[in-house]
């Protein structure tokens, strides 16, 4: 996660790392790559993640836009991927990362 994050920051890059039994998971063939964000209020929102490189490093990211980081407090982020090959498809979750959104001077 980046350094200090503030309410309503735009352009903050939040990264999920996918592993399987402590080995980096190649997510290059994933058909679904999502991040589940849990706000301090308990509300969960789901966003589409993008690969950081080609997916072989197991990293996917979300870059915040306007109104994403709208609540001050401790947030949680967990990634979710669906990899269709080999058949049957496989689904994986990343570990849960926590980050704090700080307030601004009003």
Protein backbone atom coordinates (compact mmCIF):
# COMPACT_ATOMS: atom_id res chain seq x y z
CA UNK A 1 0.00 0.00 0.00
CA UNK A 2 1.12 3.57 -0.52
CA UNK A 3 2.18 5.91 2.29
CA UNK A 4 -0.42 8.13 3.93
CA UNK A 5 -3.83 8.11 2.26
CA UNK A 6 -6.32 10.94 2.75
CA UNK A 7 -10.05 11.25 2.26
CA UNK A 8 -10.96 11.96 -1.37
CA UNK A 9 -7.42 11.28 -2.69
CA UNK A 10 -7.49 10.60 -6.43
CA UNK A 11 -4.84 8.53 -8.20
CA UNK A 12 -3.86 6.42 -5.19
CA UNK A 13 -2.67 2.99 -6.36
CA UNK A 14 -3.86 0.08 -4.21
CA UNK A 15 -2.27 -3.29 -5.01
CA UNK A 16 -3.35 -6.88 -4.29
CA UNK A 17 -0.91 -9.77 -4.38
CA UNK A 18 -2.22 -13.21 -5.27
CA UNK A 19 -0.49 -16.32 -3.96
CA UNK A 20 -1.27 -20.02 -3.84
CA UNK A 21 0.46 -21.88 -1.01
CA UNK A 22 2.91 -18.97 -0.60
CA UNK A 23 3.87 -19.13 -4.29
CA UNK A 24 3.13 -16.21 -6.61
CA UNK A 25 0.00 -16.99 -8.62
CA UNK A 26 0.12 -16.20 -12.33
CA UNK A 27 -3.11 -14.29 -12.97
CA UNK A 28 -2.40 -13.43 -16.62
CA UNK A 29 -5.25 -15.66 -17.85
CA UNK A 30 -7.79 -14.40 -15.30
CA UNK A 31 -11.18 -13.49 -16.73
CA UNK A 32 -12.32 -11.75 -13.55
CA UNK A 33 -10.06 -9.57 -11.41
CA UNK A 34 -11.84 -7.66 -8.68
CA UNK A 35 -11.09 -5.84 -5.46
CA UNK A 36 -13.56 -5.96 -2.60
CA UNK A 37 -13.24 -2.83 -0.48
CA UNK A 38 -14.77 -2.79 2.99
CA UNK A 39 -15.30 0.71 4.33
CA UNK A 40 -15.13 1.56 8.04
CA UNK A 41 -18.95 1.76 7.91
CA UNK A 42 -19.13 -1.93 6.94
CA UNK A 43 -20.26 -1.21 3.39
CA UNK A 44 -18.52 -3.37 0.77
CA UNK A 45 -17.91 -2.10 -2.74
CA UNK A 46 -16.45 -4.08 -5.63
CA UNK A 47 -14.11 -2.56 -8.22
CA UNK A 48 -12.41 -4.01 -11.27
CA UNK A 49 -8.64 -4.37 -10.87
CA UNK A 50 -6.00 -4.04 -13.59
CA UNK A 51 -2.83 -6.08 -13.92
CA UNK A 52 0.28 -4.28 -12.65
CA UNK A 53 2.45 -5.90 -15.37
CA UNK A 54 1.56 -8.99 -17.40
CA UNK A 55 0.00 -10.91 -14.49
CA UNK A 56 2.81 -13.41 -14.05
CA UNK A 57 3.86 -11.53 -10.88
CA UNK A 58 0.45 -12.08 -9.25
CA UNK A 59 -0.14 -8.35 -8.83
CA UNK A 60 -3.31 -6.42 -9.64
CA UNK A 61 -4.12 -2.80 -8.81
CA UNK A 62 -6.88 -0.29 -8.48
CA UNK A 63 -6.26 3.44 -8.93
CA UNK A 64 -8.73 5.58 -7.00
CA UNK A 65 -11.03 8.04 -8.71
CA UNK A 66 -13.29 10.79 -7.40
CA UNK A 67 -15.55 9.73 -4.49
CA UNK A 68 -13.79 6.38 -3.89
CA UNK A 69 -12.11 7.21 -0.58
CA UNK A 70 -15.11 8.94 0.93
CA UNK A 71 -14.91 7.69 4.53
CA UNK A 72 -12.20 8.33 7.13
CA UNK A 73 -10.98 5.28 9.05
CA UNK A 74 -9.63 1.74 8.64
CA UNK A 75 -10.46 0.09 5.32
CA UNK A 76 -9.92 -3.49 4.12
CA UNK A 77 -9.13 -4.70 0.62
CA UNK A 78 -9.23 -8.25 -0.71
CA UNK A 79 -8.64 -9.25 -4.31
CA UNK A 80 -10.59 -11.96 -6.14
CA UNK A 81 -9.69 -13.68 -9.44
CA UNK A 82 -11.23 -16.34 -11.67
CA UNK A 83 -8.80 -18.29 -13.84
CA UNK A 84 -10.68 -20.40 -16.42
CA UNK A 85 -7.85 -22.71 -17.49
CA UNK A 86 -7.11 -25.46 -16.94
CA UNK A 87 -10.71 -26.62 -16.71
CA UNK A 88 -12.51 -26.46 -14.35
CA UNK A 89 -12.01 -22.79 -13.59
CA UNK A 90 -10.26 -21.84 -10.36
CA UNK A 91 -11.04 -18.96 -7.99
CA UNK A 92 -8.59 -17.32 -5.62
CA UNK A 93 -8.68 -14.55 -3.02
CA UNK A 94 -5.71 -12.46 -1.98
CA UNK A 95 -4.84 -11.89 1.64
CA UNK A 96 -6.77 -9.05 3.25
CA UNK A 97 -4.83 -5.79 3.31
CA UNK A 98 -5.75 -2.98 5.66
CA UNK A 99 -5.14 0.70 5.16
CA UNK A 100 -6.20 3.89 6.91
CA UNK A 101 -7.84 6.84 5.21
CA UNK A 102 -6.99 10.02 7.12
CA UNK A 103 -9.07 13.18 7.34
CA UNK A 104 -8.17 16.54 5.80
CA UNK A 105 -8.15 20.03 7.28
CA UNK A 106 -11.54 21.56 6.61
